[in-house]
Every structure is written in C-alpha cells, then in structure tokens.
PDB file of all heavy atoms in Angstrom:
ATOM      1  N   VAL A   1       5.842   1.999  25.275  1.00  0.00           N
ATOM      2  CA  VAL A   1       5.794   0.556  24.632  1.00  0.00           C
ATOM      3  C   VAL A   1       4.510  -0.161  25.117  1.00  0.00           C
ATOM      4  O   VAL A   1       3.877  -0.867  24.182  1.00  0.00           O
ATOM      5  CB  VAL A   1       7.086  -0.198  25.094  1.00  0.00           C
ATOM      6  CG1 VAL A   1       6.940  -1.669  24.667  1.00  0.00           C
ATOM      7  CG2 VAL A   1       8.278   0.537  24.519  1.00  0.00           C
ATOM      8  N   GLU A   2       4.143  -0.046  26.274  1.00  0.00           N
ATOM      9  CA  GLU A   2       2.875  -0.634  26.791  1.00  0.00           C
ATOM     10  C   GLU A   2       1.699  -0.083  26.077  1.00  0.00           C
ATOM     11  O   GLU A   2       0.777  -0.921  25.749  1.00  0.00           O
ATOM     12  CB  GLU A   2       2.786  -0.439  28.372  1.00  0.00           C
ATOM     13  CG  GLU A   2       3.983  -1.135  29.073  1.00  0.00           C
ATOM     14  CD  GLU A   2       4.056  -2.584  28.927  1.00  0.00           C
ATOM     15  OE1 GLU A   2       3.059  -3.317  28.643  1.00  0.00           O
ATOM     16  OE2 GLU A   2       5.230  -2.997  29.035  1.00  0.00           O
ATOM     17  N   ARG A   3       1.646   1.130  25.672  1.00  0.00           N
ATOM     18  CA  ARG A   3       0.542   1.683  24.974  1.00  0.00           C
ATOM     19  C   ARG A   3       0.480   1.240  23.519  1.00  0.00           C
ATOM     20  O   ARG A   3      -0.604   0.868  23.209  1.00  0.00           O
ATOM     21  CB  ARG A   3       0.647   3.252  24.979  1.00  0.00           C
ATOM     22  CG  ARG A   3      -0.493   3.965  24.354  1.00  0.00           C
ATOM     23  CD  ARG A   3      -0.251   5.447  24.172  1.00  0.00           C
ATOM     24  NE  ARG A   3       1.028   5.660  23.482  1.00  0.00           N
ATOM     25  CZ  ARG A   3       1.498   6.837  23.347  1.00  0.00           C
ATOM     26  NH1 ARG A   3       0.926   7.885  24.014  1.00  0.00           N
ATOM     27  NH2 ARG A   3       2.584   7.051  22.713  1.00  0.00           N
ATOM     28  N   LEU A   4       1.619   0.986  22.964  1.00  0.00           N
ATOM     29  CA  LEU A   4       1.669   0.403  21.650  1.00  0.00           C
ATOM     30  C   LEU A   4       1.132  -0.936  21.535  1.00  0.00           C
ATOM     31  O   LEU A   4       0.303  -1.398  20.820  1.00  0.00           O
ATOM     32  CB  LEU A   4       3.138   0.366  21.141  1.00  0.00           C
ATOM     33  CG  LEU A   4       3.338  -0.397  19.790  1.00  0.00           C
ATOM     34  CD1 LEU A   4       2.638   0.368  18.712  1.00  0.00           C
ATOM     35  CD2 LEU A   4       4.835  -0.522  19.496  1.00  0.00           C
ATOM     36  N   PHE A   5       1.587  -1.896  22.656  1.00  0.00           N
ATOM     37  CA  PHE A   5       1.106  -3.150  22.727  1.00  0.00           C
ATOM     38  C   PHE A   5      -0.489  -3.138  22.911  1.00  0.00           C
ATOM     39  O   PHE A   5      -1.093  -4.007  22.380  1.00  0.00           O
ATOM     40  CB  PHE A   5       1.781  -3.933  23.858  1.00  0.00           C
ATOM     41  CG  PHE A   5       3.130  -4.184  23.590  1.00  0.00           C
ATOM     42  CD1 PHE A   5       4.020  -4.408  24.653  1.00  0.00           C
ATOM     43  CD2 PHE A   5       3.685  -4.392  22.337  1.00  0.00           C
ATOM     44  CE1 PHE A   5       5.410  -4.856  24.477  1.00  0.00           C
ATOM     45  CE2 PHE A   5       5.047  -4.827  22.031  1.00  0.00           C
ATOM     46  CZ  PHE A   5       5.817  -4.934  23.139  1.00  0.00           C
ATOM     47  N   ALA A   6      -0.989  -2.215  23.800  1.00  0.00           N
ATOM     48  CA  ALA A   6      -2.359  -2.257  23.928  1.00  0.00           C
ATOM     49  C   ALA A   6      -3.134  -1.814  22.620  1.00  0.00           C
ATOM     50  O   ALA A   6      -4.255  -2.399  22.424  1.00  0.00           O
ATOM     51  CB  ALA A   6      -2.639  -1.082  24.993  1.00  0.00           C
ATOM     52  N   HIS A   7      -2.580  -0.937  21.806  1.00  0.00           N
ATOM     53  CA  HIS A   7      -3.148  -0.617  20.517  1.00  0.00           C
ATOM     54  C   HIS A   7      -3.208  -1.803  19.548  1.00  0.00           C
ATOM     55  O   HIS A   7      -4.172  -2.086  19.007  1.00  0.00           O
ATOM     56  CB  HIS A   7      -2.522   0.559  19.926  1.00  0.00           C
ATOM     57  CG  HIS A   7      -2.694   1.805  20.572  1.00  0.00           C
ATOM     58  ND1 HIS A   7      -4.023   2.436  20.697  1.00  0.00           N
ATOM     59  CD2 HIS A   7      -1.944   2.791  20.968  1.00  0.00           C
ATOM     60  CE1 HIS A   7      -3.988   3.468  21.313  1.00  0.00           C
ATOM     61  NE2 HIS A   7      -2.724   3.898  21.438  1.00  0.00           N
ATOM     62  N   LEU A   8      -2.081  -2.621  19.557  1.00  0.00           N
ATOM     63  CA  LEU A   8      -1.973  -3.833  18.761  1.00  0.00           C
ATOM     64  C   LEU A   8      -2.954  -4.853  19.228  1.00  0.00           C
ATOM     65  O   LEU A   8      -3.538  -5.574  18.381  1.00  0.00           O
ATOM     66  CB  LEU A   8      -0.527  -4.260  18.728  1.00  0.00           C
ATOM     67  CG  LEU A   8       0.433  -3.326  17.984  1.00  0.00           C
ATOM     68  CD1 LEU A   8       1.863  -4.063  18.182  1.00  0.00           C
ATOM     69  CD2 LEU A   8       0.157  -3.292  16.511  1.00  0.00           C
ATOM     70  N   MET A   9      -3.141  -5.004  20.529  1.00  0.00           N
ATOM     71  CA  MET A   9      -3.984  -6.074  20.976  1.00  0.00           C
ATOM     72  C   MET A   9      -5.477  -5.711  20.672  1.00  0.00           C
ATOM     73  O   MET A   9      -6.304  -6.564  20.850  1.00  0.00           O
ATOM     74  CB  MET A   9      -3.797  -6.219  22.465  1.00  0.00           C
ATOM     75  CG  MET A   9      -2.462  -6.910  22.780  1.00  0.00           C
ATOM     76  SD  MET A   9      -2.250  -8.546  21.937  1.00  0.00           S
ATOM     77  CE  MET A   9      -0.859  -8.075  20.711  1.00  0.00           C
ATOM     78  N   ARG A  10      -5.754  -4.506  20.388  1.00  0.00           N
ATOM     79  CA  ARG A  10      -7.265  -4.226  19.931  1.00  0.00           C
ATOM     80  C   ARG A  10      -7.590  -4.838  18.703  1.00  0.00           C
ATOM     81  O   ARG A  10      -8.622  -5.063  18.364  1.00  0.00           O
ATOM     82  CB  ARG A  10      -7.364  -2.689  19.751  1.00  0.00           C
ATOM     83  CG  ARG A  10      -7.309  -2.003  21.177  1.00  0.00           C
ATOM     84  CD  ARG A  10      -7.535  -0.528  21.067  1.00  0.00           C
ATOM     85  NE  ARG A  10      -8.686  -0.117  20.487  1.00  0.00           N
ATOM     86  CZ  ARG A  10      -8.928   1.124  19.895  1.00  0.00           C
ATOM     87  NH1 ARG A  10      -8.074   2.024  20.155  1.00  0.00           N
ATOM     88  NH2 ARG A  10     -10.121   1.412  19.460  1.00  0.00           N
ATOM     89  N   SER A  11      -6.551  -5.199  17.935  1.00  0.00           N
ATOM     90  CA  SER A  11      -6.783  -6.111  16.638  1.00  0.00           C
ATOM     91  C   SER A  11      -6.962  -7.526  17.077  1.00  0.00           C
ATOM     92  O   SER A  11      -5.951  -8.020  17.567  1.00  0.00           O
ATOM     93  CB  SER A  11      -5.675  -5.807  15.640  1.00  0.00           C
ATOM     94  OG  SER A  11      -5.615  -4.466  15.192  1.00  0.00           O
ATOM     95  N   ARG A  12      -8.102  -8.045  16.922  1.00  0.00           N
ATOM     96  CA  ARG A  12      -8.259  -9.431  17.384  1.00  0.00           C
ATOM     97  C   ARG A  12      -7.405 -10.480  16.637  1.00  0.00           C
ATOM     98  O   ARG A  12      -6.833 -11.368  17.531  1.00  0.00           O
ATOM     99  CB  ARG A  12      -9.738  -9.890  17.082  1.00  0.00           C
ATOM    100  CG  ARG A  12     -10.697  -9.185  17.813  1.00  0.00           C
ATOM    101  CD  ARG A  12     -12.152  -9.682  17.574  1.00  0.00           C
ATOM    102  NE  ARG A  12     -12.224 -11.051  18.030  1.00  0.00           N
ATOM    103  CZ  ARG A  12     -13.142 -11.915  17.677  1.00  0.00           C
ATOM    104  NH1 ARG A  12     -14.031 -11.546  16.859  1.00  0.00           N
ATOM    105  NH2 ARG A  12     -13.107 -13.242  17.982  1.00  0.00           N
ATOM    106  N   ARG A  13      -6.873 -10.276  15.562  1.00  0.00           N
ATOM    107  CA  ARG A  13      -6.090 -11.242  15.093  1.00  0.00           C
ATOM    108  C   ARG A  13      -4.608 -11.202  15.536  1.00  0.00           C
ATOM    109  O   ARG A  13      -3.928 -12.160  15.488  1.00  0.00           O
ATOM    110  CB  ARG A  13      -5.865 -10.912  13.491  1.00  0.00           C
ATOM    111  CG  ARG A  13      -5.236 -12.076  12.666  1.00  0.00           C
ATOM    112  CD  ARG A  13      -5.566 -11.857  11.210  1.00  0.00           C
ATOM    113  NE  ARG A  13      -4.589 -12.869  10.550  1.00  0.00           N
ATOM    114  CZ  ARG A  13      -4.715 -12.931   9.161  1.00  0.00           C
ATOM    115  NH1 ARG A  13      -5.593 -12.242   8.397  1.00  0.00           N
ATOM    116  NH2 ARG A  13      -3.896 -13.855   8.520  1.00  0.00           N
ATOM    117  N   LEU A  14      -4.208 -10.025  16.080  1.00  0.00           N
ATOM    118  CA  LEU A  14      -2.917  -9.890  16.703  1.00  0.00           C
ATOM    119  C   LEU A  14      -2.949 -10.344  18.198  1.00  0.00           C
ATOM    120  O   LEU A  14      -1.935 -10.452  18.817  1.00  0.00           O
ATOM    121  CB  LEU A  14      -2.367  -8.429  16.586  1.00  0.00           C
ATOM    122  CG  LEU A  14      -2.112  -8.058  15.220  1.00  0.00           C
ATOM    123  CD1 LEU A  14      -1.729  -6.572  15.149  1.00  0.00           C
ATOM    124  CD2 LEU A  14      -1.094  -8.850  14.680  1.00  0.00           C
ATOM    125  N   ALA A  15      -4.141 -10.671  18.715  1.00  0.00           N
ATOM    126  CA  ALA A  15      -4.178 -11.029  20.140  1.00  0.00           C
ATOM    127  C   ALA A  15      -3.642 -12.393  20.458  1.00  0.00           C
ATOM    128  O   ALA A  15      -3.145 -12.606  21.524  1.00  0.00           O
ATOM    129  CB  ALA A  15      -5.701 -11.049  20.604  1.00  0.00           C
ATOM    130  N   ARG A  16      -3.432 -13.240  19.456  1.00  0.00           N
ATOM    131  CA  ARG A  16      -2.855 -14.537  19.467  1.00  0.00           C
ATOM    132  C   ARG A  16      -1.864 -14.703  18.339  1.00  0.00           C
ATOM    133  O   ARG A  16      -2.164 -13.868  17.314  1.00  0.00           O
ATOM    134  CB  ARG A  16      -3.869 -15.621  19.522  1.00  0.00           C
ATOM    135  CG  ARG A  16      -4.877 -15.544  20.604  1.00  0.00           C
ATOM    136  CD  ARG A  16      -4.097 -16.130  21.929  1.00  0.00           C
ATOM    137  NE  ARG A  16      -5.104 -16.182  23.110  1.00  0.00           N
ATOM    138  CZ  ARG A  16      -5.343 -15.209  24.015  1.00  0.00           C
ATOM    139  NH1 ARG A  16      -4.590 -14.115  23.904  1.00  0.00           N
ATOM    140  NH2 ARG A  16      -6.169 -15.226  24.888  1.00  0.00           N
ATOM    141  N   ASP A  17      -0.926 -15.437  18.433  1.00  0.00           N
ATOM    142  CA  ASP A  17       0.014 -15.564  17.456  1.00  0.00           C
ATOM    143  C   ASP A  17      -0.467 -16.821  16.390  1.00  0.00           C
ATOM    144  O   ASP A  17      -0.025 -17.874  16.583  1.00  0.00           O
ATOM    145  CB  ASP A  17       1.455 -15.966  18.014  1.00  0.00           C
ATOM    146  CG  ASP A  17       2.505 -15.872  16.979  1.00  0.00           C
ATOM    147  OD1 ASP A  17       2.256 -15.334  15.994  1.00  0.00           O
ATOM    148  OD2 ASP A  17       3.588 -16.371  17.209  1.00  0.00           O
ATOM    149  N   PHE A  18      -1.316 -16.487  15.513  1.00  0.00           N
ATOM    150  CA  PHE A  18      -1.775 -17.465  14.571  1.00  0.00           C
ATOM    151  C   PHE A  18      -1.078 -17.516  13.212  1.00  0.00           C
ATOM    152  O   PHE A  18      -1.369 -18.421  12.483  1.00  0.00           O
ATOM    153  CB  PHE A  18      -3.333 -17.070  14.325  1.00  0.00           C
ATOM    154  CG  PHE A  18      -4.286 -17.381  15.379  1.00  0.00           C
ATOM    155  CD1 PHE A  18      -5.067 -16.337  15.912  1.00  0.00           C
ATOM    156  CD2 PHE A  18      -4.180 -18.550  16.142  1.00  0.00           C
ATOM    157  CE1 PHE A  18      -5.923 -16.424  16.882  1.00  0.00           C
ATOM    158  CE2 PHE A  18      -5.081 -18.641  17.191  1.00  0.00           C
ATOM    159  CZ  PHE A  18      -5.945 -17.681  17.529  1.00  0.00           C
ATOM    160  N   GLU A  19      -0.269 -16.565  12.917  1.00  0.00           N
ATOM    161  CA  GLU A  19       0.499 -16.341  11.765  1.00  0.00           C
ATOM    162  C   GLU A  19       1.567 -17.464  11.530  1.00  0.00           C
ATOM    163  O   GLU A  19       2.241 -17.785  12.542  1.00  0.00           O
ATOM    164  CB  GLU A  19       1.087 -15.032  11.620  1.00  0.00           C
ATOM    165  CG  GLU A  19       0.073 -13.901  11.709  1.00  0.00           C
ATOM    166  CD  GLU A  19      -1.084 -13.928  10.713  1.00  0.00           C
ATOM    167  OE1 GLU A  19      -0.932 -14.259   9.601  1.00  0.00           O
ATOM    168  OE2 GLU A  19      -2.180 -13.585  11.269  1.00  0.00           O
ATOM    169  N   ARG A  20       1.626 -18.083  10.338  1.00  0.00           N
ATOM    170  CA  ARG A  20       2.650 -19.051  10.092  1.00  0.00           C
ATOM    171  C   ARG A  20       3.942 -18.441   9.627  1.00  0.00           C
ATOM    172  O   ARG A  20       5.060 -19.091   9.786  1.00  0.00           O
ATOM    173  CB  ARG A  20       2.140 -20.199   9.109  1.00  0.00           C
ATOM    174  CG  ARG A  20       1.046 -21.011   9.646  1.00  0.00           C
ATOM    175  CD  ARG A  20       0.451 -21.849   8.453  1.00  0.00           C
ATOM    176  NE  ARG A  20      -0.462 -22.762   8.883  1.00  0.00           N
ATOM    177  CZ  ARG A  20      -0.567 -24.014   8.969  1.00  0.00           C
ATOM    178  NH1 ARG A  20       0.502 -24.675   8.687  1.00  0.00           N
ATOM    179  NH2 ARG A  20      -1.723 -24.561   9.388  1.00  0.00           N
ATOM    180  N   ARG A  21       3.858 -17.372   9.012  1.00  0.00           N
ATOM    181  CA  ARG A  21       5.099 -16.690   8.603  1.00  0.00           C
ATOM    182  C   ARG A  21       5.225 -15.339   9.181  1.00  0.00           C
ATOM    183  O   ARG A  21       4.327 -14.548   9.577  1.00  0.00           O
ATOM    184  CB  ARG A  21       4.916 -16.490   7.050  1.00  0.00           C
ATOM    185  CG  ARG A  21       4.939 -17.848   6.197  1.00  0.00           C
ATOM    186  CD  ARG A  21       4.975 -17.561   4.853  1.00  0.00           C
ATOM    187  NE  ARG A  21       5.267 -18.793   4.087  1.00  0.00           N
ATOM    188  CZ  ARG A  21       4.350 -19.763   3.883  1.00  0.00           C
ATOM    189  NH1 ARG A  21       3.051 -19.579   4.258  1.00  0.00           N
ATOM    190  NH2 ARG A  21       4.616 -20.779   3.162  1.00  0.00           N
ATOM    191  N   ILE A  22       6.435 -15.015   9.355  1.00  0.00           N
ATOM    192  CA  ILE A  22       6.760 -13.631   9.897  1.00  0.00           C
ATOM    193  C   ILE A  22       6.350 -12.514   9.015  1.00  0.00           C
ATOM    194  O   ILE A  22       5.791 -11.500   9.639  1.00  0.00           O
ATOM    195  CB  ILE A  22       8.355 -13.459  10.199  1.00  0.00           C
ATOM    196  CG1 ILE A  22       8.795 -14.559  11.200  1.00  0.00           C
ATOM    197  CG2 ILE A  22       8.653 -12.138  10.702  1.00  0.00           C
ATOM    198  CD1 ILE A  22      10.270 -14.632  11.499  1.00  0.00           C
ATOM    199  N   ALA A  23       6.475 -12.663   7.808  1.00  0.00           N
ATOM    200  CA  ALA A  23       5.938 -11.642   6.857  1.00  0.00           C
ATOM    201  C   ALA A  23       4.480 -11.328   7.016  1.00  0.00           C
ATOM    202  O   ALA A  23       4.072 -10.258   6.855  1.00  0.00           O
ATOM    203  CB  ALA A  23       6.154 -12.001   5.344  1.00  0.00           C
ATOM    204  N   SER A  24       3.742 -12.280   7.201  1.00  0.00           N
ATOM    205  CA  SER A  24       2.160 -12.143   7.364  1.00  0.00           C
ATOM    206  C   SER A  24       1.905 -11.498   8.772  1.00  0.00           C
ATOM    207  O   SER A  24       1.008 -10.573   8.815  1.00  0.00           O
ATOM    208  CB  SER A  24       1.446 -13.342   7.152  1.00  0.00           C
ATOM    209  OG  SER A  24       1.763 -14.393   8.092  1.00  0.00           O
ATOM    210  N   ALA A  25       2.747 -11.925   9.759  1.00  0.00           N
ATOM    211  CA  ALA A  25       2.550 -11.139  11.141  1.00  0.00           C
ATOM    212  C   ALA A  25       3.025  -9.770  11.038  1.00  0.00           C
ATOM    213  O   ALA A  25       2.270  -8.859  11.585  1.00  0.00           O
ATOM    214  CB  ALA A  25       3.425 -11.942  12.199  1.00  0.00           C
ATOM    215  N   GLU A  26       4.019  -9.430  10.280  1.00  0.00           N
ATOM    216  CA  GLU A  26       4.545  -8.099  10.182  1.00  0.00           C
ATOM    217  C   GLU A  26       3.396  -7.246   9.260  1.00  0.00           C
ATOM    218  O   GLU A  26       3.137  -6.135   9.699  1.00  0.00           O
ATOM    219  CB  GLU A  26       5.870  -7.917   9.418  1.00  0.00           C
ATOM    220  CG  GLU A  26       6.363  -6.695   9.200  1.00  0.00           C
ATOM    221  CD  GLU A  26       7.719  -6.673   8.580  1.00  0.00           C
ATOM    222  OE1 GLU A  26       8.239  -7.771   8.145  1.00  0.00           O
ATOM    223  OE2 GLU A  26       8.189  -5.584   8.356  1.00  0.00           O
ATOM    224  N   ALA A  27       2.918  -7.903   8.389  1.00  0.00           N
ATOM    225  CA  ALA A  27       1.835  -7.173   7.519  1.00  0.00           C
ATOM    226  C   ALA A  27       0.536  -6.849   8.399  1.00  0.00           C
ATOM    227  O   ALA A  27      -0.063  -5.827   8.369  1.00  0.00           O
ATOM    228  CB  ALA A  27       1.360  -7.959   6.547  1.00  0.00           C
ATOM    229  N   MET A  28       0.165  -7.744   9.382  1.00  0.00           N
ATOM    230  CA  MET A  28      -0.856  -7.524  10.212  1.00  0.00           C
ATOM    231  C   MET A  28      -0.563  -6.378  11.206  1.00  0.00           C
ATOM    232  O   MET A  28      -1.468  -5.704  11.611  1.00  0.00           O
ATOM    233  CB  MET A  28      -1.258  -8.840  10.942  1.00  0.00           C
ATOM    234  CG  MET A  28      -1.874  -9.846  10.182  1.00  0.00           C
ATOM    235  SD  MET A  28      -3.475  -9.354   9.191  1.00  0.00           S
ATOM    236  CE  MET A  28      -4.381  -8.708  10.570  1.00  0.00           C
ATOM    237  N   ILE A  29       0.628  -6.231  11.690  1.00  0.00           N
ATOM    238  CA  ILE A  29       1.014  -5.130  12.505  1.00  0.00           C
ATOM    239  C   ILE A  29       0.945  -3.868  11.824  1.00  0.00           C
ATOM    240  O   ILE A  29       0.372  -2.893  12.320  1.00  0.00           O
ATOM    241  CB  ILE A  29       2.405  -5.287  13.077  1.00  0.00           C
ATOM    242  CG1 ILE A  29       2.436  -6.485  14.127  1.00  0.00           C
ATOM    243  CG2 ILE A  29       2.993  -4.116  13.753  1.00  0.00           C
ATOM    244  CD1 ILE A  29       3.712  -6.918  14.543  1.00  0.00           C
ATOM    245  N   TYR A  30       1.439  -3.824  10.458  1.00  0.00           N
ATOM    246  CA  TYR A  30       1.249  -2.575   9.636  1.00  0.00           C
ATOM    247  C   TYR A  30      -0.198  -2.196   9.442  1.00  0.00           C
ATOM    248  O   TYR A  30      -0.670  -1.089   9.484  1.00  0.00           O
ATOM    249  CB  TYR A  30       1.876  -2.803   8.336  1.00  0.00           C
ATOM    250  CG  TYR A  30       3.373  -2.738   8.366  1.00  0.00           C
ATOM    251  CD1 TYR A  30       4.183  -3.662   7.663  1.00  0.00           C
ATOM    252  CD2 TYR A  30       4.119  -1.538   9.058  1.00  0.00           C
ATOM    253  CE1 TYR A  30       5.623  -3.595   7.687  1.00  0.00           C
ATOM    254  CE2 TYR A  30       5.353  -1.630   9.067  1.00  0.00           C
ATOM    255  CZ  TYR A  30       6.241  -2.461   8.484  1.00  0.00           C
ATOM    256  OH  TYR A  30       7.570  -2.466   8.473  1.00  0.00           O
TER     257      TYR A  30
END
C-alpha cells in the first residue's frame, strides 16, 4: 500500500487534493 501511495504521489496533481469532484479525482488516479 505504501508503495502504491508513493507511485501516486509522483503525479504532481495527486500530491494535493485539488479536485472538486470524486469522479475527476478517480480519473486522475487511473
């Protein structure tokens, strides 16, 4: 799980919670 979080945080947009909708946050994770 920690390794997954580290991979996700490499994407700058996912480093902070800027998304207004859950669907757009989910799309950014995909």
